[in-house]
C-alpha atoms as a PDB file:
ATOM      1  CA  MET A   1      79.738 110.418 178.680  1.00  0.00           C
ATOM      2  CA  ILE A   2      78.790 109.781 175.019  1.00  0.00           C
ATOM      3  CA  ALA A   3      80.149 113.193 174.063  1.00  0.00           C
ATOM      4  CA  ILE A   4      83.564 112.342 175.556  1.00  0.00           C
ATOM      5  CA  VAL A   5      83.717 109.016 173.644  1.00  0.00           C
ATOM      6  CA  GLN A   6      82.721 110.749 170.397  1.00  0.00           C
ATOM      7  CA  ARG A   7      85.350 113.424 170.902  1.00  0.00           C
ATOM      8  CA  ARG A   8      88.107 110.835 171.422  1.00  0.00           C
ATOM      9  CA  ALA A   9      86.921 108.733 168.456  1.00  0.00           C
ATOM     10  CA  GLY A  10      87.023 111.786 166.215  1.00  0.00           C
ATOM     11  CA  SER A  11      90.589 112.572 167.191  1.00  0.00           C
ATOM     12  CA  THR A  12      91.635 108.951 166.486  1.00  0.00           C
ATOM     13  CA  GLY A  13      90.412 109.312 162.910  1.00  0.00           C
ATOM     14  CA  ARG A  14      92.504 112.467 162.474  1.00  0.00           C
ATOM     15  CA  TRP A  15      95.608 110.681 163.773  1.00  0.00           C
ATOM     16  CA  LEU A  16      95.012 107.856 161.331  1.00  0.00           C
ATOM     17  CA  VAL A  17      94.743 110.294 158.412  1.00  0.00           C
ATOM     18  CA  ALA A  18      97.798 112.166 159.675  1.00  0.00           C
ATOM     19  CA  ALA A  19      99.782 108.898 159.605  1.00  0.00           C
ATOM     20  CA  ILE A  20      98.611 107.815 156.153  1.00  0.00           C
ATOM     21  CA  ILE A  21      99.314 111.092 154.337  1.00  0.00           C
ATOM     22  CA  PRO A  22     103.125 111.101 154.870  1.00  0.00           C
ATOM     23  CA  ALA A  23     103.319 107.432 153.851  1.00  0.00           C
ATOM     24  CA  ALA A  24     101.381 108.141 150.644  1.00  0.00           C
ATOM     25  CA  VAL A  25     103.562 111.183 149.872  1.00  0.00           C
ATOM     26  CA  CYS A  26     106.734 109.096 150.396  1.00  0.00           C
ATOM     27  CA  TYR A  27     105.406 106.332 148.151  1.00  0.00           C
ATOM     28  CA  ILE A  28     104.533 108.778 145.362  1.00  0.00           C
ATOM     29  CA  ALA A  29     107.915 110.543 145.706  1.00  0.00           C
ATOM     30  CA  VAL A  30     109.866 107.265 145.518  1.00  0.00           C
ATOM     31  CA  GLN A  31     107.878 106.131 142.469  1.00  0.00           C
ATOM     32  CA  GLY A  32     108.481 109.506 140.797  1.00  0.00           C
ATOM     33  CA  ILE A  33     112.210 109.367 141.465  1.00  0.00           C
ATOM     34  CA  ALA A  34     112.412 105.785 140.168  1.00  0.00           C
ATOM     35  CA  TRP A  35     110.560 106.776 136.986  1.00  0.00           C
ATOM     36  CA  TYR A  36     112.843 109.782 136.470  1.00  0.00           C
ATOM     37  CA  VAL A  37     116.055 107.767 136.947  1.00  0.00           C
ATOM     38  CA  SER A  38     114.826 104.984 134.655  1.00  0.00           C
ATOM     39  CA  SER A  39     113.563 107.296 131.912  1.00  0.00           C
ATOM     40  CA  PHE A  40     116.192 110.017 131.822  1.00  0.00           C
ATOM     41  CA  ILE A  41     119.371 108.494 133.246  1.00  0.00           C
ATOM     42  CA  VAL A  42     119.386 104.738 132.572  1.00  0.00           C
ATOM     43  CA  LYS A  43     117.341 104.297 129.380  1.00  0.00           C
ATOM     44  CA  PRO A  44     119.232 106.759 127.124  1.00  0.00           C
ATOM     45  CA  ASN A  45     122.520 104.993 127.884  1.00  0.00           C
ATOM     46  CA  GLU A  46     121.367 101.602 129.097  1.00  0.00           C
ATOM     47  CA  LEU A  47     124.283  99.466 127.893  1.00  0.00           C
ATOM     48  CA  VAL A  48     126.948 101.691 129.467  1.00  0.00           C
ATOM     49  CA  ARG A  49     125.009 101.919 132.752  1.00  0.00           C
ATOM     50  CA  GLU A  50     124.343  98.196 133.029  1.00  0.00           C
ATOM     51  CA  LYS A  51     127.625  96.798 131.630  1.00  0.00           C
ATOM     52  CA  PRO A  52     129.439  96.584 135.009  1.00  0.00           C
ATOM     53  CA  TYR A  53     126.539  94.620 136.496  1.00  0.00           C
ATOM     54  CA  ILE A  54     126.338  92.277 133.496  1.00  0.00           C
ATOM     55  CA  VAL A  55     130.106  91.600 133.620  1.00  0.00           C
ATOM     56  CA  PHE A  56     129.965  91.020 137.385  1.00  0.00           C
ATOM     57  CA  ASN A  57     127.020  88.638 137.020  1.00  0.00           C
ATOM     58  CA  THR A  58     128.751  86.700 134.222  1.00  0.00           C
ATOM     59  CA  GLU A  59     131.974  86.357 136.227  1.00  0.00           C
ATOM     60  CA  LEU A  60     130.157  85.109 139.319  1.00  0.00           C
ATOM     61  CA  THR A  61     128.114  82.656 137.254  1.00  0.00           C
ATOM     62  CA  ALA A  62     131.233  81.240 135.578  1.00  0.00           C
ATOM     63  CA  ARG A  63     133.256  80.941 138.794  1.00  0.00           C
ATOM     64  CA  PRO A  64     131.595  77.859 140.378  1.00  0.00           C
ATOM     65  CA  THR A  65     131.625  75.932 137.090  1.00  0.00           C
ATOM     66  CA  ASP A  66     135.307  76.672 136.357  1.00  0.00           C
ATOM     67  CA  TRP A  67     134.359  77.965 132.965  1.00  0.00           C
ATOM     68  CA  THR A  68     137.355  79.824 131.582  1.00  0.00           C
ATOM     69  CA  GLY A  69     136.360  80.289 127.962  1.00  0.00           C
ATOM     70  CA  SER A  70     135.578  83.695 126.583  1.00  0.00           C
ATOM     71  CA  PRO A  71     132.159  84.484 125.128  1.00  0.00           C
ATOM     72  CA  GLY A  72     133.702  84.410 121.650  1.00  0.00           C
ATOM     73  CA  ALA A  73     135.359  81.013 122.080  1.00  0.00           C
ATOM     74  CA  SER A  74     134.293  78.549 119.454  1.00  0.00           C
ATOM     75  CA  SER A  75     133.083  75.085 120.206  1.00  0.00           C
ATOM     76  CA  PRO A  76     132.556  73.294 116.908  1.00  0.00           C
ATOM     77  CA  ALA A  77     129.534  71.066 116.711  1.00  0.00           C
ATOM     78  CA  GLU A  78     129.463  67.754 114.948  1.00  0.00           C
ATOM     79  CA  THR A  79     126.600  67.807 112.468  1.00  0.00           C
ATOM     80  CA  THR A  80     126.837  64.314 111.029  1.00  0.00           C
ATOM     81  CA  ILE A  81     124.318  61.597 111.799  1.00  0.00           C
ATOM     82  CA  GLU A  82     127.057  59.574 113.490  1.00  0.00           C
ATOM     83  CA  ALA A  83     127.453  62.370 116.057  1.00  0.00           C
ATOM     84  CA  ALA A  84     123.866  61.844 117.187  1.00  0.00           C
ATOM     85  CA  ASP A  85     124.557  58.120 117.721  1.00  0.00           C
ATOM     86  CA  PRO A  86     120.937  57.045 117.293  1.00  0.00           C
ATOM     87  CA  ALA A  87     121.635  53.478 118.426  1.00  0.00           C
ATOM     88  CA  ASN A  88     122.648  54.672 121.911  1.00  0.00           C
ATOM     89  CA  ASN A  89     120.031  57.428 122.214  1.00  0.00           C
ATOM     90  CA  GLN A  90     116.833  55.535 121.507  1.00  0.00           C
ATOM     91  CA  ALA A  91     115.150  56.665 124.735  1.00  0.00           C
ATOM     92  CA  THR A  92     115.638  60.318 123.743  1.00  0.00           C
ATOM     93  CA  LEU A  93     114.650  59.786 120.118  1.00  0.00           C
ATOM     94  CA  ARG A  94     111.445  57.985 121.129  1.00  0.00           C
ATOM     95  CA  ASN A  95     110.551  60.909 123.380  1.00  0.00           C
ATOM     96  CA  ILE A  96     110.827  63.683 120.800  1.00  0.00           C
ATOM     97  CA  ARG A  97     107.604  65.635 120.738  1.00  0.00           C
ATOM     98  CA  LEU A  98     105.831  65.257 117.402  1.00  0.00           C
ATOM     99  CA  TRP A  99     102.630  67.097 118.231  1.00  0.00           C
ATOM    100  CA  ASP A 100     102.078  70.747 118.873  1.00  0.00           C
ATOM    101  CA  TRP A 101      99.836  71.362 121.874  1.00  0.00           C
ATOM    102  CA  ARG A 102      98.027  74.201 120.034  1.00  0.00           C
ATOM    103  CA  ALA A 103      97.031  71.857 117.209  1.00  0.00           C
ATOM    104  CA  LEU A 104      95.782  69.300 119.728  1.00  0.00           C
ATOM    105  CA  GLN A 105      93.759  71.978 121.511  1.00  0.00           C
ATOM    106  CA  ASP A 106      92.173  73.079 118.215  1.00  0.00           C
ATOM    107  CA  THR A 107      91.372  69.454 117.342  1.00  0.00           C
ATOM    108  CA  LEU A 108      89.772  68.775 120.706  1.00  0.00           C
ATOM    109  CA  ARG A 109      87.683  71.927 120.442  1.00  0.00           C
ATOM    110  CA  GLN A 110      86.500  70.942 116.953  1.00  0.00           C
ATOM    111  CA  ILE A 111      85.555  67.450 118.080  1.00  0.00           C
ATOM    112  CA  GLN A 112      83.492  68.843 120.962  1.00  0.00           C
ATOM    113  CA  GLU A 113      82.002  71.695 118.909  1.00  0.00           C
ATOM    114  CA  ILE A 114      78.578  70.087 118.864  1.00  0.00           C
ATOM    115  CA  ARG A 115      78.510  70.435 122.637  1.00  0.00           C
ATOM    116  CA  THR A 116      79.097  74.168 123.070  1.00  0.00           C
ATOM    117  CA  TYR A 117      79.116  73.956 126.840  1.00  0.00           C
ATOM    118  CA  TYR A 118      82.491  72.131 126.879  1.00  0.00           C
ATOM    119  CA  ASP A 119      85.890  73.747 126.563  1.00  0.00           C
ATOM    120  CA  PHE A 120      89.558  72.714 126.692  1.00  0.00           C
ATOM    121  CA  PRO A 121      91.276  75.769 128.186  1.00  0.00           C
ATOM    122  CA  ASP A 122      94.686  74.154 128.667  1.00  0.00           C
ATOM    123  CA  ILE A 123      96.824  71.288 127.404  1.00  0.00           C
ATOM    124  CA  ASP A 124      99.324  69.822 129.859  1.00  0.00           C
ATOM    125  CA  ILE A 125     102.445  67.981 128.749  1.00  0.00           C
ATOM    126  CA  ASP A 126     103.820  65.354 131.116  1.00  0.00           C
ATOM    127  CA  ARG A 127     105.897  62.199 131.073  1.00  0.00           C
ATOM    128  CA  TYR A 128     104.716  58.864 132.402  1.00  0.00           C
ATOM    129  CA  ASN A 129     106.290  55.439 132.752  1.00  0.00           C
ATOM    130  CA  ILE A 130     104.270  53.247 130.357  1.00  0.00           C
ATOM    131  CA  ASP A 131     105.270  49.603 129.756  1.00  0.00           C
ATOM    132  CA  GLY A 132     108.704  50.207 131.263  1.00  0.00           C
ATOM    133  CA  SER A 133     109.642  53.258 129.174  1.00  0.00           C
ATOM    134  CA  THR A 134     109.112  56.946 129.732  1.00  0.00           C
ATOM    135  CA  ARG A 135     106.557  58.411 127.327  1.00  0.00           C
ATOM    136  CA  GLU A 136     105.476  61.977 126.784  1.00  0.00           C
ATOM    137  CA  VAL A 137     101.738  62.439 127.058  1.00  0.00           C
ATOM    138  CA  MET A 138      99.500  65.422 126.375  1.00  0.00           C
ATOM    139  CA  LEU A 139      96.524  65.759 128.687  1.00  0.00           C
ATOM    140  CA  ALA A 140      93.481  67.987 128.475  1.00  0.00           C
ATOM    141  CA  ALA A 141      90.654  68.232 130.951  1.00  0.00           C
ATOM    142  CA  ARG A 142      87.246  68.880 129.455  1.00  0.00           C
ATOM    143  CA  GLU A 143      85.668  71.673 131.466  1.00  0.00           C
ATOM    144  CA  LEU A 144      82.254  73.250 131.461  1.00  0.00           C
ATOM    145  CA  ASN A 145      82.174  76.596 129.721  1.00  0.00           C
ATOM    146  CA  VAL A 146      80.157  78.870 132.019  1.00  0.00           C
ATOM    147  CA  ARG A 147      79.577  81.411 129.259  1.00  0.00           C
END
């Protein structure tokens, strides 16, 4: 009885291997073909090959917005201070980021340098409603350095 079970179990393993080998060969063949097409057909002449797709994508993107201008159309910008209208844009002007998160991270690390087991791996930038106005805030969680 045990011999019969062993014989059937052995044949199941062969069927499993026989099913995996063609799948692996197909995967390797598809990856090889994709590499060949990318390296020797598309890359040497990338702009010509991809231009129809880029044009199609641009046309479909412009269609729902009714954008009819050409890519070379000019839209002059007003560069005077009156164009910014600071009196009517105080909420935006108060929310301009003045700090760089990398500088804050370096400062926090220097302050905590005496405690080498702390680290500030990430600085998060978020906006909160403080005293009735939206303010940008940088947050950093002090974490234990396991090294």
